[in-house]
Amino acid sequence: MKPKNKVLTTHESQPKSAHEPTGVIPSQDSAAQVQLVPTLNELDRRYLAERELLVTEGIKSSIAAAKALCEICNHANGKLWKATHDTFAAYCKAKWNYEKAHAYRLVSSGEVIKLLEIKNGTKKSPNGDWLPVSESHLRPLLKLSKYKRPDCWLGIVAKHKPAELTEKIVAAETAVFAESIGAPITSRKAEPPSPFEHANACCMKFRAAAMHLPDAAKIIEILSQLDPYLVSPATSASTNHN
């Protein structure tokens, strides 16, 4: 007999942030809400177990842990963690005793890694010698808008070997990068992505999807011809000035 999706009432004892991913679906009854709990198939369970192991072994490889946690968070719109918990923060707390801020910082760092792999995967060594050696090295980049982070990191590793970097060096280089594109780092919330950043994001997703096609190399080569047209006038002028 096939297992059916379970319907659970939400845990009222744990208030949730408006910005935190949840699996809650509003009910027509304003006094109550229900949550559809997804059922994981064998492939889902295997995918989840592999990434949970990477996160558990995160002390040995924090970069792999950050990327794995990012994939758990975002896979199939949160299907993996919604199978057992109301919120992603609750899942991380129960699984690894991660506080919410730390869990989401790891997810953001994992997003940088995935964007780097999409943006630069065909241009550098397949050994990943341009990737960070520690998740902490990516933290200063998180103050930049999401789609500026890969460009900043690639500029840093063009000047420094990743193995020689420290969080302090990355922070200093990030500040220089932010100043060069006219976006000094402040404590205010990040602004919505510009049309150029949005176009870059779409192009990156297209590249990621194309990598699984038979003519991936040719498609990515054609897409790379769009790069000059995806640079904002302000960034281009700053680069030419320097």
Protein backbone atom coordinates (compact mmCIF):
# COMPACT_ATOMS: atom_id res chain seq x y z
CA MET A 1 0.00 0.00 0.00
CA LYS A 2 1.55 3.34 -1.06
CA PRO A 3 2.22 5.89 1.70
CA LYS A 4 0.06 8.99 1.45
CA ASN A 5 1.06 12.58 2.15
CA LYS A 6 0.43 13.31 5.77
CA VAL A 7 -1.52 16.37 6.91
CA LEU A 8 -0.23 17.89 10.11
CA THR A 9 -1.20 20.99 12.03
CA THR A 10 1.64 23.46 12.39
CA HIS A 11 3.61 23.74 15.59
CA GLU A 12 2.13 26.82 17.22
CA SER A 13 4.82 26.87 19.90
CA GLN A 14 7.50 27.91 17.36
CA PRO A 15 6.81 31.35 15.81
CA LYS A 16 8.24 31.70 12.30
CA SER A 17 9.83 34.63 10.56
CA ALA A 18 7.96 36.02 7.56
CA HIS A 19 11.08 35.46 5.48
CA GLU A 20 11.79 31.91 6.59
CA PRO A 21 10.93 29.05 4.22
CA THR A 22 8.00 27.01 5.46
CA GLY A 23 5.82 24.25 4.14
CA VAL A 24 2.61 25.87 5.44
CA ILE A 25 -0.38 26.30 3.14
CA PRO A 26 -3.00 28.82 4.34
CA SER A 27 -6.32 27.25 5.24
CA GLN A 28 -9.71 28.69 4.37
CA ASP A 29 -10.34 28.60 8.09
CA SER A 30 -8.52 31.66 9.42
CA ALA A 31 -8.24 30.02 12.84
CA ALA A 32 -6.14 27.14 11.59
CA GLN A 33 -3.51 26.20 9.04
CA VAL A 34 -2.56 22.85 7.63
CA GLN A 35 0.73 21.62 6.27
CA LEU A 36 1.13 19.11 3.47
CA VAL A 37 4.13 16.97 4.31
CA PRO A 38 5.81 15.60 1.16
CA THR A 39 6.63 11.91 0.89
CA LEU A 40 10.23 11.19 -0.15
CA ASN A 41 10.94 8.51 -2.72
CA GLU A 42 14.10 6.40 -2.79
CA LEU A 43 16.01 8.91 -4.93
CA ASP A 44 15.00 11.76 -2.59
CA ARG A 45 16.14 9.81 0.47
CA ARG A 46 19.48 8.96 -1.15
CA TYR A 47 20.04 12.56 -2.26
CA LEU A 48 19.25 13.80 1.24
CA ALA A 49 21.43 11.20 3.02
CA GLU A 50 24.46 12.00 0.87
CA ARG A 51 24.20 15.71 1.61
CA GLU A 52 23.44 15.26 5.31
CA LEU A 53 26.63 13.23 5.57
CA LEU A 54 28.59 16.04 3.89
CA VAL A 55 27.16 18.57 6.34
CA THR A 56 27.91 16.28 9.29
CA GLU A 57 31.50 15.97 8.09
CA GLY A 58 31.62 19.74 7.63
CA ILE A 59 34.49 20.22 10.07
CA LYS A 60 36.71 18.44 7.56
CA SER A 61 35.40 20.28 4.52
CA SER A 62 33.32 23.36 5.29
CA ILE A 63 32.96 24.25 1.61
CA ALA A 64 31.39 20.88 0.80
CA ALA A 65 29.12 21.25 3.84
CA ALA A 66 27.95 24.71 2.77
CA LYS A 67 27.17 23.55 -0.75
CA ALA A 68 25.37 20.43 0.52
CA LEU A 69 23.24 22.44 2.96
CA CYS A 70 22.36 24.88 0.18
CA GLU A 71 21.20 21.96 -1.95
CA ILE A 72 19.12 20.52 0.90
CA CYS A 73 17.50 23.91 1.46
CA ASN A 74 16.60 24.57 -2.17
CA HIS A 75 16.05 21.11 -3.70
CA ALA A 76 12.52 20.74 -5.10
CA ASN A 77 11.37 23.88 -3.27
CA GLY A 78 12.41 22.54 0.13
CA LYS A 79 10.87 19.08 -0.27
CA LEU A 80 13.68 17.34 1.66
CA TRP A 81 13.39 19.26 4.92
CA LYS A 82 9.64 19.80 4.68
CA ALA A 83 9.22 16.02 4.96
CA THR A 84 10.16 16.20 8.65
CA HIS A 85 10.03 19.85 9.79
CA ASP A 86 7.90 22.96 9.48
CA THR A 87 10.87 25.25 8.77
CA PHE A 88 14.40 24.93 7.45
CA ALA A 89 15.74 26.52 10.63
CA ALA A 90 13.97 23.90 12.75
CA TYR A 91 15.42 21.12 10.58
CA CYS A 92 19.00 22.45 10.97
CA LYS A 93 18.56 22.90 14.71
CA ALA A 94 17.31 19.34 15.18
CA LYS A 95 19.87 17.75 12.86
CA TRP A 96 23.08 19.62 13.75
CA ASN A 97 22.11 22.07 16.52
CA TYR A 98 22.79 24.94 14.09
CA GLU A 99 21.38 28.30 15.03
CA LYS A 100 19.23 29.93 12.35
CA ALA A 101 21.78 32.63 11.46
CA HIS A 102 24.59 30.09 11.04
CA ALA A 103 22.44 27.78 8.93
CA TYR A 104 21.47 30.55 6.52
CA ARG A 105 25.04 31.86 6.35
CA LEU A 106 26.15 28.39 5.23
CA VAL A 107 23.34 28.29 2.66
CA SER A 108 24.43 31.68 1.28
CA SER A 109 28.05 30.50 1.09
CA GLY A 110 26.89 27.36 -0.70
CA GLU A 111 25.05 29.53 -3.22
CA VAL A 112 28.30 31.37 -3.95
CA ILE A 113 30.05 28.04 -4.63
CA LYS A 114 27.29 26.91 -6.98
CA LEU A 115 27.32 30.24 -8.84
CA LEU A 116 31.10 30.02 -9.15
CA GLU A 117 30.87 26.53 -10.59
CA ILE A 118 28.32 27.71 -13.15
CA LYS A 119 30.11 30.92 -14.06
CA ASN A 120 33.69 29.68 -14.12
CA GLY A 121 33.50 25.91 -14.31
CA THR A 122 34.60 25.75 -17.94
CA LYS A 123 37.36 28.35 -17.70
CA LYS A 124 39.54 27.01 -14.89
CA SER A 125 41.06 23.77 -13.72
CA PRO A 126 38.48 20.99 -13.11
CA ASN A 127 40.30 20.39 -9.82
CA GLY A 128 38.65 23.56 -8.53
CA ASP A 129 41.90 25.30 -7.60
CA TRP A 130 40.04 28.62 -7.79
CA LEU A 131 37.52 27.59 -5.14
CA PRO A 132 37.72 28.75 -1.51
CA VAL A 133 39.41 26.41 0.96
CA SER A 134 37.19 27.54 3.83
CA GLU A 135 33.61 28.68 4.15
CA SER A 136 34.76 31.52 6.41
CA HIS A 137 36.61 33.07 3.46
CA LEU A 138 33.28 33.65 1.75
CA ARG A 139 31.61 35.49 4.62
CA PRO A 140 32.80 38.98 3.63
CA LEU A 141 31.34 38.43 0.15
CA LEU A 142 27.87 37.92 1.61
CA LYS A 143 27.63 41.69 2.12
CA LEU A 144 27.55 42.11 -1.67
CA SER A 145 24.49 41.50 -3.81
CA LYS A 146 24.11 37.83 -4.70
CA TYR A 147 25.24 37.96 -8.32
CA LYS A 148 28.25 40.21 -7.67
CA ARG A 149 29.84 37.68 -5.30
CA PRO A 150 31.33 35.35 -7.97
CA ASP A 151 32.96 38.27 -9.83
CA CYS A 152 34.45 39.55 -6.60
CA TRP A 153 35.86 36.15 -5.65
CA LEU A 154 37.34 35.50 -9.08
CA GLY A 155 39.05 38.89 -8.91
CA ILE A 156 40.50 37.97 -5.51
CA VAL A 157 41.91 34.60 -6.61
CA ALA A 158 43.44 36.29 -9.65
CA LYS A 159 45.66 38.14 -7.18
CA HIS A 160 45.98 35.59 -4.34
CA LYS A 161 46.20 31.81 -4.11
CA PRO A 162 43.13 30.47 -2.25
CA ALA A 163 45.35 28.52 0.17
CA GLU A 164 47.05 31.78 1.23
CA LEU A 165 43.85 33.74 1.85
CA THR A 166 42.41 34.71 5.22
CA GLU A 167 39.02 36.15 6.05
CA LYS A 168 40.72 39.50 6.75
CA ILE A 169 42.34 39.60 3.29
CA VAL A 170 39.06 38.67 1.62
CA ALA A 171 37.23 41.39 3.57
CA ALA A 172 39.75 44.02 2.44
CA GLU A 173 39.59 42.90 -1.20
CA THR A 174 35.80 42.77 -1.06
CA ALA A 175 35.70 46.38 0.13
CA VAL A 176 37.96 47.41 -2.77
CA PHE A 177 35.75 45.54 -5.24
CA ALA A 178 32.59 47.12 -3.82
CA GLU A 179 34.12 50.58 -4.10
CA SER A 180 35.23 49.91 -7.70
CA ILE A 181 31.67 49.16 -8.84
CA GLY A 182 30.17 52.02 -6.89
CA ALA A 183 28.51 49.83 -4.31
CA PRO A 184 30.33 50.44 -1.02
CA ILE A 185 29.59 47.91 1.70
CA THR A 186 27.17 49.15 4.32
CA SER A 187 25.03 47.59 7.02
CA ARG A 188 21.80 48.30 5.13
CA LYS A 189 19.77 45.58 3.49
CA ALA A 190 20.87 44.54 0.03
CA GLU A 191 18.96 46.27 -2.77
CA PRO A 192 16.95 44.26 -5.31
CA PRO A 193 19.05 43.02 -8.23
CA SER A 194 19.47 45.41 -11.15
CA PRO A 195 18.25 44.42 -14.64
CA PHE A 196 21.85 43.51 -15.49
CA GLU A 197 22.17 41.30 -12.40
CA HIS A 198 18.85 39.66 -13.20
CA ALA A 199 19.97 38.98 -16.78
CA ASN A 200 23.23 37.50 -15.46
CA ALA A 201 21.28 35.25 -13.10
CA CYS A 202 19.09 33.96 -15.95
CA CYS A 203 22.17 33.36 -18.10
CA MET A 204 23.85 31.41 -15.27
CA LYS A 205 20.78 29.19 -14.88
CA PHE A 206 20.74 28.58 -18.62
CA ARG A 207 24.42 27.61 -18.52
CA ALA A 208 23.78 25.23 -15.64
CA ALA A 209 20.96 23.52 -17.55
CA ALA A 210 23.00 23.41 -20.77
CA MET A 211 25.87 21.57 -19.09
CA HIS A 212 23.77 18.38 -19.20
CA LEU A 213 23.14 18.55 -22.95
CA PRO A 214 25.16 16.65 -25.59
CA ASP A 215 26.51 19.89 -27.15
CA ALA A 216 27.16 21.56 -23.78
CA ALA A 217 30.61 22.91 -24.69
CA LYS A 218 29.33 24.53 -27.89
CA ILE A 219 26.27 26.02 -26.18
CA ILE A 220 28.33 27.48 -23.33
CA GLU A 221 30.80 28.92 -25.84
CA ILE A 222 27.92 30.68 -27.60
CA LEU A 223 26.51 31.93 -24.29
CA SER A 224 29.91 33.37 -23.34
CA GLN A 225 29.57 35.74 -26.30
CA LEU A 226 26.78 37.46 -24.36
CA ASP A 227 29.07 38.39 -21.47
CA PRO A 228 30.08 41.84 -22.83
CA TYR A 229 26.40 42.78 -23.13
CA LEU A 230 25.60 41.78 -19.54
CA VAL A 231 27.92 44.32 -17.91
CA SER A 232 26.23 47.42 -16.56
CA PRO A 233 27.48 50.80 -17.91
CA ALA A 234 28.63 51.83 -14.41
CA THR A 235 30.71 48.67 -13.94
CA SER A 236 32.16 48.94 -17.45
CA ALA A 237 33.14 52.58 -16.95
CA SER A 238 34.77 51.78 -13.60
CA THR A 239 36.75 48.90 -15.11
CA ASN A 240 37.94 51.01 -18.05
CA HIS A 241 38.93 53.81 -15.72
CA ASN A 242 41.07 51.45 -13.65
